[in-house]
Amino acid sequence: MKIAIVGATGMVGNVMLKVLAERNFPITELIPVASEKSVGKMISFNGKEFAVVNLATAVSMKPDIALFSAGGETSLGWAPKFAEVGTTVIDNSSAWRMDPTKKLVVPEINGDVLTVDDKIIANPNCSTIQLVMALAPLHKKYTMKRVVISTYQSVSGTGVKAVQQLDNEEAGIDGEMAYPHKIGRNALPHCDVFLENGYTKEEMKLVKEPKKILRDNSFSVTATAVRIPTAGGHSEAVNVQFENDFDVNEVREILRNTAGIIVQDDVANNVYPMPITAHDKDEVFVGRIRRDESQENTLNLWIVADNLRKGAATNTVQIAEYLVANHLV
């Protein structure tokens, strides 16, 4: 099993390598891929050293699977070239997510849509993944009507440059800015770029992607995405109106019995999900589960996950695991 990691020297690429090692993914040959300036650099993996190669070399090596985390332009340009030589690409950018010919996958929810013919598979947005992990079982039981999401997203979601900006601000250093304003001791209602409708790209990902993953356009979604000065982990305040009424204790039980979800909901003992406790974990944490008393059949949830793991690297690796387990590669 030859596995290429495109963007191996980047933030998500590093976590992909870590997750592949932790989960004992069956790799016989690792092909780390990065930009020309990193070619020749050595990457350590499972006690062995592998040299970074460029994209053209990686295509010529015909990997079985290529995990992409190198930005949308790279994915649009190079994913088809890998697919042409028989490689199955799992892409972590937004390039292919809403392409009607490509599958958008969270394995626990819709892995069954994958076939041997899917050569470019899209990994959803980090905020979408943790959202649908919690909502999918509840939608199945109570049928969602409307979802209102407010996110509190860490700087790691922007990348290394943003983490460095926060570090510089905390250290009192003037440095390169990833954001148009300071992020320390601040909150920016500005994740990704603004669109003509006044929403950001991040907000529209949250509006569109859940419908594709759940294969259902019957519910509506609106979102406000906010960047906050946490180093890692995304949080979401989610308000869900259902067609059918629910029992809050039953909601907790459904979530407790959902693979990949951990319920942390004991407010008497100050137990609720937080980015600091979700750090470096693969599960999605749900708490503050309570009825919205202002409107019938409506629930409030607080959802937290490590955006670099389940929100990116882990979900990508889980898709690869699903492909292997079901003989689709």
C-alpha atoms as a PDB file:
ATOM      1  CA  MET A   1       0.000   0.000   0.000  1.00  0.00           C
ATOM      2  CA  LYS A   2       1.735   3.129  -1.273  1.00  0.00           C
ATOM      3  CA  ILE A   3       0.403   6.281   0.392  1.00  0.00           C
ATOM      4  CA  ALA A   4       1.230   9.821  -0.720  1.00  0.00           C
ATOM      5  CA  ILE A   5       0.762  12.773   1.637  1.00  0.00           C
ATOM      6  CA  VAL A   6       0.453  15.930  -0.457  1.00  0.00           C
ATOM      7  CA  GLY A   7       1.314  18.838   1.830  1.00  0.00           C
ATOM      8  CA  ALA A   8       3.318  16.564   4.145  1.00  0.00           C
ATOM      9  CA  THR A   9       5.306  19.435   5.683  1.00  0.00           C
ATOM     10  CA  GLY A  10       2.222  21.522   6.513  1.00  0.00           C
ATOM     11  CA  MET A  11       0.172  21.703   9.693  1.00  0.00           C
ATOM     12  CA  VAL A  12      -2.507  19.193   8.650  1.00  0.00           C
ATOM     13  CA  GLY A  13       0.031  17.041   6.799  1.00  0.00           C
ATOM     14  CA  ASN A  14       2.022  16.598  10.012  1.00  0.00           C
ATOM     15  CA  VAL A  15      -1.122  15.530  11.863  1.00  0.00           C
ATOM     16  CA  MET A  16      -1.995  13.100   9.041  1.00  0.00           C
ATOM     17  CA  LEU A  17       1.374  11.392   9.517  1.00  0.00           C
ATOM     18  CA  LYS A  18       0.788  11.214  13.258  1.00  0.00           C
ATOM     19  CA  VAL A  19      -2.721   9.767  12.838  1.00  0.00           C
ATOM     20  CA  LEU A  20      -1.584   7.204  10.245  1.00  0.00           C
ATOM     21  CA  ALA A  21       1.092   5.987  12.678  1.00  0.00           C
ATOM     22  CA  GLU A  22      -1.257   5.926  15.680  1.00  0.00           C
ATOM     23  CA  ARG A  23      -3.906   3.942  13.812  1.00  0.00           C
ATOM     24  CA  ASN A  24      -1.365   1.495  12.302  1.00  0.00           C
ATOM     25  CA  PHE A  25      -2.581   2.194   8.788  1.00  0.00           C
ATOM     26  CA  PRO A  26      -1.143  -0.498   6.463  1.00  0.00           C
ATOM     27  CA  ILE A  27       1.569   1.469   4.644  1.00  0.00           C
ATOM     28  CA  THR A  28       4.362  -0.284   2.765  1.00  0.00           C
ATOM     29  CA  GLU A  29       5.726   2.892   1.201  1.00  0.00           C
ATOM     30  CA  LEU A  30       5.193   6.506   2.249  1.00  0.00           C
ATOM     31  CA  ILE A  31       5.517   9.238  -0.374  1.00  0.00           C
ATOM     32  CA  PRO A  32       5.760  12.669   1.305  1.00  0.00           C
ATOM     33  CA  VAL A  33       4.964  15.429  -1.189  1.00  0.00           C
ATOM     34  CA  ALA A  34       5.533  19.161  -0.777  1.00  0.00           C
ATOM     35  CA  SER A  35       6.533  22.298  -2.678  1.00  0.00           C
ATOM     36  CA  GLU A  36       9.822  22.498  -4.564  1.00  0.00           C
ATOM     37  CA  LYS A  37      11.553  24.297  -1.672  1.00  0.00           C
ATOM     38  CA  SER A  38      10.990  21.225   0.548  1.00  0.00           C
ATOM     39  CA  VAL A  39      12.051  18.579  -1.998  1.00  0.00           C
ATOM     40  CA  GLY A  40      14.807  16.371  -0.570  1.00  0.00           C
ATOM     41  CA  LYS A  41      13.900  17.122   3.028  1.00  0.00           C
ATOM     42  CA  MET A  42      13.624  13.937   5.116  1.00  0.00           C
ATOM     43  CA  ILE A  43      10.399  13.000   6.911  1.00  0.00           C
ATOM     44  CA  SER A  44      10.453  10.459   9.753  1.00  0.00           C
ATOM     45  CA  PHE A  45       7.633   7.922   9.867  1.00  0.00           C
ATOM     46  CA  ASN A  46       7.479   4.768  11.972  1.00  0.00           C
ATOM     47  CA  GLY A  47      11.223   4.758  12.512  1.00  0.00           C
ATOM     48  CA  LYS A  48      12.106   5.193   8.833  1.00  0.00           C
ATOM     49  CA  GLU A  49      13.192   8.212   6.794  1.00  0.00           C
ATOM     50  CA  PHE A  50      11.455   9.217   3.565  1.00  0.00           C
ATOM     51  CA  ALA A  51      12.565  11.952   1.171  1.00  0.00           C
ATOM     52  CA  VAL A  52      10.077  14.637   0.173  1.00  0.00           C
ATOM     53  CA  VAL A  53       9.331  14.616  -3.561  1.00  0.00           C
ATOM     54  CA  ASN A  54       7.501  17.024  -5.853  1.00  0.00           C
ATOM     55  CA  LEU A  55       4.025  16.462  -7.279  1.00  0.00           C
ATOM     56  CA  ALA A  56       5.161  15.225 -10.700  1.00  0.00           C
ATOM     57  CA  THR A  57       7.451  12.614  -9.140  1.00  0.00           C
ATOM     58  CA  ALA A  58       4.679  11.479  -6.804  1.00  0.00           C
ATOM     59  CA  VAL A  59       2.275  10.971  -9.735  1.00  0.00           C
ATOM     60  CA  SER A  60       4.904   8.891 -11.548  1.00  0.00           C
ATOM     61  CA  MET A  61       5.203   6.656  -8.448  1.00  0.00           C
ATOM     62  CA  LYS A  62       1.486   5.756  -8.779  1.00  0.00           C
ATOM     63  CA  PRO A  63       0.464   5.631  -5.102  1.00  0.00           C
ATOM     64  CA  ASP A  64      -2.628   3.629  -4.157  1.00  0.00           C
ATOM     65  CA  ILE A  65      -4.027   6.533  -2.113  1.00  0.00           C
ATOM     66  CA  ALA A  66      -3.048  10.214  -1.990  1.00  0.00           C
ATOM     67  CA  LEU A  67      -4.117  12.284   1.008  1.00  0.00           C
ATOM     68  CA  PHE A  68      -4.196  15.947  -0.056  1.00  0.00           C
ATOM     69  CA  SER A  69      -3.847  18.925   2.243  1.00  0.00           C
ATOM     70  CA  ALA A  70      -2.115  21.522   0.110  1.00  0.00           C
ATOM     71  CA  GLY A  71      -4.854  24.024  -0.738  1.00  0.00           C
ATOM     72  CA  GLY A  72      -7.576  24.224  -3.347  1.00  0.00           C
ATOM     73  CA  GLU A  73      -5.452  25.301  -6.318  1.00  0.00           C
ATOM     74  CA  THR A  74      -3.081  22.367  -5.865  1.00  0.00           C
ATOM     75  CA  SER A  75      -6.024  19.992  -5.539  1.00  0.00           C
ATOM     76  CA  LEU A  76      -7.758  21.290  -8.670  1.00  0.00           C
ATOM     77  CA  GLY A  77      -4.559  21.058 -10.691  1.00  0.00           C
ATOM     78  CA  TRP A  78      -3.127  17.791  -9.441  1.00  0.00           C
ATOM     79  CA  ALA A  79      -5.867  15.537  -8.039  1.00  0.00           C
ATOM     80  CA  PRO A  80      -7.062  14.636 -11.586  1.00  0.00           C
ATOM     81  CA  LYS A  81      -3.475  13.755 -12.582  1.00  0.00           C
ATOM     82  CA  PHE A  82      -3.210  11.319  -9.677  1.00  0.00           C
ATOM     83  CA  ALA A  83      -6.661   9.920 -10.502  1.00  0.00           C
ATOM     84  CA  GLU A  84      -5.576   9.338 -14.129  1.00  0.00           C
ATOM     85  CA  VAL A  85      -2.841   6.926 -13.005  1.00  0.00           C
ATOM     86  CA  GLY A  86      -5.278   5.013 -10.778  1.00  0.00           C
ATOM     87  CA  THR A  87      -4.623   6.732  -7.440  1.00  0.00           C
ATOM     88  CA  THR A  88      -7.588   7.375  -5.137  1.00  0.00           C
ATOM     89  CA  VAL A  89      -7.346  10.971  -3.901  1.00  0.00           C
ATOM     90  CA  ILE A  90      -8.870  12.075  -0.586  1.00  0.00           C
ATOM     91  CA  ASP A  91      -8.819  15.859  -0.640  1.00  0.00           C
ATOM     92  CA  ASN A  92      -8.923  18.084   2.425  1.00  0.00           C
ATOM     93  CA  SER A  93      -9.480  21.388   0.586  1.00  0.00           C
ATOM     94  CA  SER A  94     -12.788  22.941  -0.478  1.00  0.00           C
ATOM     95  CA  ALA A  95     -11.978  22.340  -4.171  1.00  0.00           C
ATOM     96  CA  TRP A  96     -14.248  19.343  -4.796  1.00  0.00           C
ATOM     97  CA  ARG A  97     -16.734  19.437  -1.918  1.00  0.00           C
ATOM     98  CA  MET A  98     -19.723  20.826  -3.739  1.00  0.00           C
ATOM     99  CA  ASP A  99     -18.898  19.222  -7.103  1.00  0.00           C
ATOM    100  CA  PRO A 100     -21.980  17.071  -7.820  1.00  0.00           C
ATOM    101  CA  THR A 101     -19.766  14.376  -9.356  1.00  0.00           C
ATOM    102  CA  LYS A 102     -17.658  13.986  -6.191  1.00  0.00           C
ATOM    103  CA  LYS A 103     -18.574  12.379  -2.847  1.00  0.00           C
ATOM    104  CA  LEU A 104     -18.343  14.419   0.376  1.00  0.00           C
ATOM    105  CA  VAL A 105     -17.729  11.931   3.166  1.00  0.00           C
ATOM    106  CA  VAL A 106     -17.820  11.503   6.926  1.00  0.00           C
ATOM    107  CA  PRO A 107     -17.347   7.713   7.141  1.00  0.00           C
ATOM    108  CA  GLU A 108     -19.572   7.178  10.201  1.00  0.00           C
ATOM    109  CA  ILE A 109     -22.448   8.900   8.398  1.00  0.00           C
ATOM    110  CA  ASN A 110     -22.222   8.267   4.665  1.00  0.00           C
ATOM    111  CA  GLY A 111     -19.242   6.028   3.948  1.00  0.00           C
ATOM    112  CA  ASP A 112     -21.683   3.764   2.111  1.00  0.00           C
ATOM    113  CA  VAL A 113     -21.802   6.216  -0.828  1.00  0.00           C
ATOM    114  CA  LEU A 114     -18.236   5.301  -1.820  1.00  0.00           C
ATOM    115  CA  THR A 115     -17.497   2.972  -4.734  1.00  0.00           C
ATOM    116  CA  VAL A 116     -14.381   1.666  -6.437  1.00  0.00           C
ATOM    117  CA  ASP A 117     -14.943   4.261  -9.179  1.00  0.00           C
ATOM    118  CA  ASP A 118     -14.570   7.257  -6.805  1.00  0.00           C
ATOM    119  CA  LYS A 119     -11.067   8.469  -7.567  1.00  0.00           C
ATOM    120  CA  ILE A 120     -11.413  11.954  -6.034  1.00  0.00           C
ATOM    121  CA  ILE A 121     -13.180  12.041  -2.661  1.00  0.00           C
ATOM    122  CA  ALA A 122     -13.785  15.263  -0.724  1.00  0.00           C
ATOM    123  CA  ASN A 123     -13.187  15.668   3.000  1.00  0.00           C
ATOM    124  CA  PRO A 124     -15.703  18.146   4.487  1.00  0.00           C
ATOM    125  CA  ASN A 125     -14.905  21.430   6.192  1.00  0.00           C
ATOM    126  CA  CYS A 126     -13.664  21.003   9.774  1.00  0.00           C
ATOM    127  CA  SER A 127     -16.653  22.805  11.289  1.00  0.00           C
ATOM    128  CA  THR A 128     -19.065  20.765   9.171  1.00  0.00           C
ATOM    129  CA  ILE A 129     -17.627  17.422  10.280  1.00  0.00           C
ATOM    130  CA  GLN A 130     -18.154  17.965  14.005  1.00  0.00           C
ATOM    131  CA  LEU A 131     -21.586  19.468  13.332  1.00  0.00           C
ATOM    132  CA  VAL A 132     -22.943  16.565  11.289  1.00  0.00           C
ATOM    133  CA  MET A 133     -21.436  13.985  13.641  1.00  0.00           C
ATOM    134  CA  ALA A 134     -23.764  15.297  16.351  1.00  0.00           C
ATOM    135  CA  LEU A 135     -26.750  16.155  14.162  1.00  0.00           C
ATOM    136  CA  ALA A 136     -26.968  13.037  11.984  1.00  0.00           C
ATOM    137  CA  PRO A 137     -28.389  10.677  14.652  1.00  0.00           C
ATOM    138  CA  LEU A 138     -30.782  13.365  15.913  1.00  0.00           C
ATOM    139  CA  HIS A 139     -32.005  14.140  12.394  1.00  0.00           C
ATOM    140  CA  LYS A 140     -32.678  10.440  11.861  1.00  0.00           C
ATOM    141  CA  LYS A 141     -34.801  10.314  15.013  1.00  0.00           C
ATOM    142  CA  TYR A 142     -36.583  13.702  15.101  1.00  0.00           C
ATOM    143  CA  THR A 143     -36.165  15.211  11.560  1.00  0.00           C
ATOM    144  CA  MET A 144     -34.431  18.598  11.478  1.00  0.00           C
ATOM    145  CA  LYS A 145     -36.338  21.613  10.228  1.00  0.00           C
ATOM    146  CA  ARG A 146     -33.900  24.497  10.832  1.00  0.00           C
ATOM    147  CA  VAL A 147     -30.362  24.761  12.189  1.00  0.00           C
ATOM    148  CA  VAL A 148     -28.751  27.975  13.489  1.00  0.00           C
ATOM    149  CA  ILE A 149     -24.990  27.768  14.083  1.00  0.00           C
ATOM    150  CA  SER A 150     -22.544  30.148  15.747  1.00  0.00           C
ATOM    151  CA  THR A 151     -18.933  29.002  15.634  1.00  0.00           C
ATOM    152  CA  TYR A 152     -15.936  29.877  17.812  1.00  0.00           C
ATOM    153  CA  GLN A 153     -13.001  28.722  15.709  1.00  0.00           C
ATOM    154  CA  SER A 154      -9.331  28.471  16.621  1.00  0.00           C
ATOM    155  CA  VAL A 155      -6.527  30.169  14.736  1.00  0.00           C
ATOM    156  CA  SER A 156      -5.103  26.778  13.728  1.00  0.00           C
ATOM    157  CA  GLY A 157      -8.008  26.561  11.286  1.00  0.00           C
ATOM    158  CA  THR A 158      -6.369  29.366   9.302  1.00  0.00           C
ATOM    159  CA  GLY A 159      -2.905  27.790   9.366  1.00  0.00           C
ATOM    160  CA  VAL A 160       0.648  28.233  10.609  1.00  0.00           C
ATOM    161  CA  LYS A 161       0.749  31.956   9.816  1.00  0.00           C
ATOM    162  CA  ALA A 162      -2.269  32.609  12.068  1.00  0.00           C
ATOM    163  CA  VAL A 163      -0.869  30.552  14.942  1.00  0.00           C
ATOM    164  CA  GLN A 164       2.344  32.571  14.610  1.00  0.00           C
ATOM    165  CA  GLN A 165       0.368  35.833  14.706  1.00  0.00           C
ATOM    166  CA  LEU A 166      -1.279  34.811  17.991  1.00  0.00           C
ATOM    167  CA  ASP A 167       2.075  33.658  19.428  1.00  0.00           C
ATOM    168  CA  ASN A 168       3.695  36.956  18.379  1.00  0.00           C
ATOM    169  CA  GLU A 169       0.918  39.026  19.939  1.00  0.00           C
ATOM    170  CA  GLU A 170       1.154  37.106  23.214  1.00  0.00           C
ATOM    171  CA  ALA A 171       4.933  37.625  23.218  1.00  0.00           C
ATOM    172  CA  GLY A 172       4.642  41.329  22.322  1.00  0.00           C
ATOM    173  CA  ILE A 173       6.378  40.844  18.976  1.00  0.00           C
ATOM    174  CA  ASP A 174       5.437  42.750  15.816  1.00  0.00           C
ATOM    175  CA  GLY A 175       5.217  40.190  13.038  1.00  0.00           C
ATOM    176  CA  GLU A 176       3.401  39.128   9.908  1.00  0.00           C
ATOM    177  CA  MET A 177      -0.397  39.339  10.172  1.00  0.00           C
ATOM    178  CA  ALA A 178      -2.651  36.520   8.991  1.00  0.00           C
ATOM    179  CA  TYR A 179      -5.758  38.543   9.859  1.00  0.00           C
ATOM    180  CA  PRO A 180      -6.758  42.167   9.135  1.00  0.00           C
ATOM    181  CA  HIS A 181      -6.894  42.822  12.907  1.00  0.00           C
ATOM    182  CA  LYS A 182      -5.286  41.584  16.098  1.00  0.00           C
ATOM    183  CA  ILE A 183      -6.629  38.204  17.219  1.00  0.00           C
ATOM    184  CA  GLY A 184      -5.351  38.160  20.813  1.00  0.00           C
ATOM    185  CA  ARG A 185      -8.015  39.270  23.325  1.00  0.00           C
ATOM    186  CA  ASN A 186     -10.350  39.651  20.367  1.00  0.00           C
ATOM    187  CA  ALA A 187     -12.997  37.878  18.298  1.00  0.00           C
ATOM    188  CA  LEU A 188     -13.195  38.282  14.523  1.00  0.00           C
ATOM    189  CA  PRO A 189     -16.569  37.583  12.846  1.00  0.00           C
ATOM    190  CA  HIS A 190     -14.560  36.857   9.725  1.00  0.00           C
ATOM    191  CA  CYS A 191     -13.633  33.266   8.800  1.00  0.00           C
ATOM    192  CA  ASP A 192     -12.439  32.984   5.187  1.00  0.00           C
ATOM    193  CA  VAL A 193     -13.458  35.622   2.623  1.00  0.00           C
ATOM    194  CA  PHE A 194     -16.711  37.568   2.413  1.00  0.00           C
ATOM    195  CA  LEU A 195     -19.090  36.744  -0.422  1.00  0.00           C
ATOM    196  CA  GLU A 196     -21.606  38.932  -2.257  1.00  0.00           C
ATOM    197  CA  ASN A 197     -24.439  37.820   0.031  1.00  0.00           C
ATOM    198  CA  GLY A 198     -22.615  39.177   3.108  1.00  0.00           C
ATOM    199  CA  TYR A 199     -21.740  35.734   4.450  1.00  0.00           C
ATOM    200  CA  THR A 200     -18.226  34.299   4.521  1.00  0.00           C
ATOM    201  CA  LYS A 201     -17.159  31.198   2.594  1.00  0.00           C
ATOM    202  CA  GLU A 202     -16.862  29.365   5.930  1.00  0.00           C
ATOM    203  CA  GLU A 203     -20.468  30.202   6.794  1.00  0.00           C
ATOM    204  CA  MET A 204     -21.724  29.017   3.421  1.00  0.00           C
ATOM    205  CA  LYS A 205     -19.804  25.755   3.784  1.00  0.00           C
ATOM    206  CA  LEU A 206     -21.803  25.163   6.974  1.00  0.00           C
ATOM    207  CA  VAL A 207     -25.017  25.955   5.077  1.00  0.00           C
ATOM    208  CA  LYS A 208     -24.380  23.672   2.101  1.00  0.00           C
ATOM    209  CA  GLU A 209     -22.161  20.766   3.158  1.00  0.00           C
ATOM    210  CA  PRO A 210     -24.444  19.149   5.796  1.00  0.00           C
ATOM    211  CA  LYS A 211     -27.216  18.751   3.213  1.00  0.00           C
ATOM    212  CA  LYS A 212     -24.896  16.918   0.822  1.00  0.00           C
ATOM    213  CA  ILE A 213     -23.486  14.646   3.539  1.00  0.00           C
ATOM    214  CA  LEU A 214     -26.922  13.821   4.979  1.00  0.00           C
ATOM    215  CA  ARG A 215     -28.396  13.496   1.456  1.00  0.00           C
ATOM    216  CA  ASP A 216     -31.276  15.739   2.454  1.00  0.00           C
ATOM    217  CA  ASN A 217     -32.235  19.261   1.359  1.00  0.00           C
ATOM    218  CA  SER A 218     -35.403  19.439   3.447  1.00  0.00           C
ATOM    219  CA  PHE A 219     -33.885  21.412   6.363  1.00  0.00           C
ATOM    220  CA  SER A 220     -32.504  24.968   6.357  1.00  0.00           C
ATOM    221  CA  VAL A 221     -29.220  26.171   7.850  1.00  0.00           C
ATOM    222  CA  THR A 222     -27.828  29.588   8.732  1.00  0.00           C
ATOM    223  CA  ALA A 223     -24.444  30.315  10.290  1.00  0.00           C
ATOM    224  CA  THR A 224     -22.148  32.956  11.763  1.00  0.00           C
ATOM    225  CA  ALA A 225     -18.487  31.931  11.971  1.00  0.00           C
ATOM    226  CA  VAL A 226     -16.140  33.668  14.405  1.00  0.00           C
ATOM    227  CA  ARG A 227     -12.371  33.340  14.864  1.00  0.00           C
ATOM    228  CA  ILE A 228     -11.208  33.414  18.493  1.00  0.00           C
ATOM    229  CA  PRO A 229      -7.721  33.409  20.066  1.00  0.00           C
ATOM    230  CA  THR A 230      -7.527  29.715  20.923  1.00  0.00           C
ATOM    231  CA  ALA A 231      -4.598  27.742  19.504  1.00  0.00           C
ATOM    232  CA  GLY A 232      -6.630  24.660  18.582  1.00  0.00           C
ATOM    233  CA  GLY A 233     -10.157  23.255  18.622  1.00  0.00           C
ATOM    234  CA  HIS A 234     -13.392  24.587  17.166  1.00  0.00           C
ATOM    235  CA  SER A 235     -16.562  25.161  19.211  1.00  0.00           C
ATOM    236  CA  GLU A 236     -20.121  25.554  17.973  1.00  0.00           C
ATOM    237  CA  ALA A 237     -23.323  26.782  19.607  1.00  0.00           C
ATOM    238  CA  VAL A 238     -26.063  24.993  17.669  1.00  0.00           C
ATOM    239  CA  ASN A 239     -29.805  25.590  17.818  1.00  0.00           C
ATOM    240  CA  VAL A 240     -31.895  22.903  16.088  1.00  0.00           C
ATOM    241  CA  GLN A 241     -35.612  22.985  15.444  1.00  0.00           C
ATOM    242  CA  PHE A 242     -37.105  19.554  14.728  1.00  0.00           C
ATOM    243  CA  GLU A 243     -40.325  18.506  13.059  1.00  0.00           C
ATOM    244  CA  ASN A 244     -40.981  16.182  16.012  1.00  0.00           C
ATOM    245  CA  ASP A 245     -40.708  16.732  19.745  1.00  0.00           C
ATOM    246  CA  PHE A 246     -37.953  15.090  21.768  1.00  0.00           C
ATOM    247  CA  ASP A 247     -37.024  14.129  25.309  1.00  0.00           C
ATOM    248  CA  VAL A 248     -33.750  15.728  26.410  1.00  0.00           C
ATOM    249  CA  ASN A 249     -32.631  12.603  28.263  1.00  0.00           C
ATOM    250  CA  GLU A 250     -33.319  10.547  25.156  1.00  0.00           C
ATOM    251  CA  VAL A 251     -31.228  13.018  23.124  1.00  0.00           C
ATOM    252  CA  ARG A 252     -28.325  12.475  25.531  1.00  0.00           C
ATOM    253  CA  GLU A 253     -28.736   8.704  25.244  1.00  0.00           C
ATOM    254  CA  ILE A 254     -28.802   8.794  21.426  1.00  0.00           C
ATOM    255  CA  LEU A 255     -25.593  10.844  21.384  1.00  0.00           C
ATOM    256  CA  ARG A 256     -23.899   8.612  23.987  1.00  0.00           C
ATOM    257  CA  ASN A 257     -24.622   5.628  21.753  1.00  0.00           C
ATOM    258  CA  THR A 258     -23.226   7.301  18.626  1.00  0.00           C
ATOM    259  CA  ALA A 259     -19.748   6.143  17.570  1.00  0.00           C
ATOM    260  CA  GLY A 260     -17.247   9.003  17.662  1.00  0.00           C
ATOM    261  CA  ILE A 261     -19.305  11.163  20.062  1.00  0.00           C
ATOM    262  CA  ILE A 262     -18.554  11.764  23.742  1.00  0.00           C
ATOM    263  CA  VAL A 263     -21.237  13.471  25.817  1.00  0.00           C
ATOM    264  CA  GLN A 264     -19.872  15.845  28.471  1.00  0.00           C
ATOM    265  CA  ASP A 265     -22.968  17.293  30.076  1.00  0.00           C
ATOM    266  CA  ASP A 266     -22.790  17.564  33.846  1.00  0.00           C
ATOM    267  CA  VAL A 267     -23.159  21.275  34.560  1.00  0.00           C
ATOM    268  CA  ALA A 268     -23.495  20.706  38.324  1.00  0.00           C
ATOM    269  CA  ASN A 269     -19.834  19.663  38.264  1.00  0.00           C
ATOM    270  CA  ASN A 270     -18.736  22.143  35.562  1.00  0.00           C
ATOM    271  CA  VAL A 271     -18.392  19.387  32.974  1.00  0.00           C
ATOM    272  CA  TYR A 272     -18.921  20.547  29.381  1.00  0.00           C
ATOM    273  CA  PRO A 273     -16.868  20.420  26.176  1.00  0.00           C
ATOM    274  CA  MET A 274     -13.923  22.790  25.801  1.00  0.00           C
ATOM    275  CA  PRO A 275     -11.217  23.131  23.137  1.00  0.00           C
ATOM    276  CA  ILE A 276      -8.486  22.633  25.732  1.00  0.00           C
ATOM    277  CA  THR A 277      -9.821  19.183  26.697  1.00  0.00           C
ATOM    278  CA  ALA A 278     -10.661  18.161  23.118  1.00  0.00           C
ATOM    279  CA  HIS A 279      -7.037  18.820  22.083  1.00  0.00           C
ATOM    280  CA  ASP A 280      -5.346  15.902  20.306  1.00  0.00           C
ATOM    281  CA  LYS A 281      -8.470  13.738  20.511  1.00  0.00           C
ATOM    282  CA  ASP A 282     -10.426  12.218  17.627  1.00  0.00           C
ATOM    283  CA  GLU A 283     -13.887  12.302  19.163  1.00  0.00           C
ATOM    284  CA  VAL A 284     -16.531  15.024  18.883  1.00  0.00           C
ATOM    285  CA  PHE A 285     -17.647  16.315  22.286  1.00  0.00           C
ATOM    286  CA  VAL A 286     -21.236  17.434  22.936  1.00  0.00           C
ATOM    287  CA  GLY A 287     -22.672  19.163  26.010  1.00  0.00           C
ATOM    288  CA  ARG A 288     -24.928  21.971  27.270  1.00  0.00           C
ATOM    289  CA  ILE A 289     -27.793  19.847  25.910  1.00  0.00           C
ATOM    290  CA  ARG A 290     -31.002  21.671  26.727  1.00  0.00           C
ATOM    291  CA  ARG A 291     -34.397  22.574  25.379  1.00  0.00           C
ATOM    292  CA  ASP A 292     -34.842  25.975  23.741  1.00  0.00           C
ATOM    293  CA  GLU A 293     -37.714  27.302  25.845  1.00  0.00           C
ATOM    294  CA  SER A 294     -38.529  30.075  23.371  1.00  0.00           C
ATOM    295  CA  GLN A 295     -39.719  27.769  20.593  1.00  0.00           C
ATOM    296  CA  GLU A 296     -41.311  24.338  20.349  1.00  0.00           C
ATOM    297  CA  ASN A 297     -39.371  21.223  19.326  1.00  0.00           C
ATOM    298  CA  THR A 298     -36.070  23.113  19.521  1.00  0.00           C
ATOM    299  CA  LEU A 299     -32.783  22.027  21.089  1.00  0.00           C
ATOM    300  CA  ASN A 300     -29.536  23.791  22.043  1.00  0.00           C
ATOM    301  CA  LEU A 301     -26.184  21.995  21.823  1.00  0.00           C
ATOM    302  CA  TRP A 302     -22.528  22.922  22.366  1.00  0.00           C
ATOM    303  CA  ILE A 303     -20.214  20.936  20.076  1.00  0.00           C
ATOM    304  CA  VAL A 304     -16.392  20.910  20.290  1.00  0.00           C
ATOM    305  CA  ALA A 305     -13.701  19.007  18.383  1.00  0.00           C
ATOM    306  CA  ASP A 306     -10.008  19.193  17.517  1.00  0.00           C
ATOM    307  CA  ASN A 307     -10.184  20.762  14.052  1.00  0.00           C
ATOM    308  CA  LEU A 308      -6.826  19.354  12.944  1.00  0.00           C
ATOM    309  CA  ARG A 309      -7.790  15.795  13.883  1.00  0.00           C
ATOM    310  CA  LYS A 310     -11.443  14.781  13.356  1.00  0.00           C
ATOM    311  CA  GLY A 311     -11.941  18.078  11.546  1.00  0.00           C
ATOM    312  CA  ALA A 312      -9.199  17.280   9.031  1.00  0.00           C
ATOM    313  CA  ALA A 313      -6.502  14.595   9.332  1.00  0.00           C
ATOM    314  CA  THR A 314      -8.404  11.888  11.206  1.00  0.00           C
ATOM    315  CA  ASN A 315     -11.493  12.044   9.000  1.00  0.00           C
ATOM    316  CA  THR A 316      -9.243  11.829   5.917  1.00  0.00           C
ATOM    317  CA  VAL A 317      -7.473   8.761   7.300  1.00  0.00           C
ATOM    318  CA  GLN A 318     -10.816   7.210   8.297  1.00  0.00           C
ATOM    319  CA  ILE A 319     -11.992   7.548   4.688  1.00  0.00           C
ATOM    320  CA  ALA A 320      -8.804   5.741   3.596  1.00  0.00           C
ATOM    321  CA  GLU A 321      -9.457   3.032   6.210  1.00  0.00           C
ATOM    322  CA  TYR A 322     -13.006   2.618   4.892  1.00  0.00           C
ATOM    323  CA  LEU A 323     -11.698   2.225   1.337  1.00  0.00           C
ATOM    324  CA  VAL A 324      -9.215  -0.446   2.420  1.00  0.00           C
ATOM    325  CA  ALA A 325     -11.686  -2.325   4.639  1.00  0.00           C
ATOM    326  CA  ASN A 326     -14.269  -2.429   1.846  1.00  0.00           C
ATOM    327  CA  HIS A 327     -11.784  -3.368  -0.899  1.00  0.00           C
ATOM    328  CA  LEU A 328     -12.388  -0.128  -2.813  1.00  0.00           C
ATOM    329  CA  VAL A 329      -8.652   0.421  -3.449  1.00  0.00           C
END
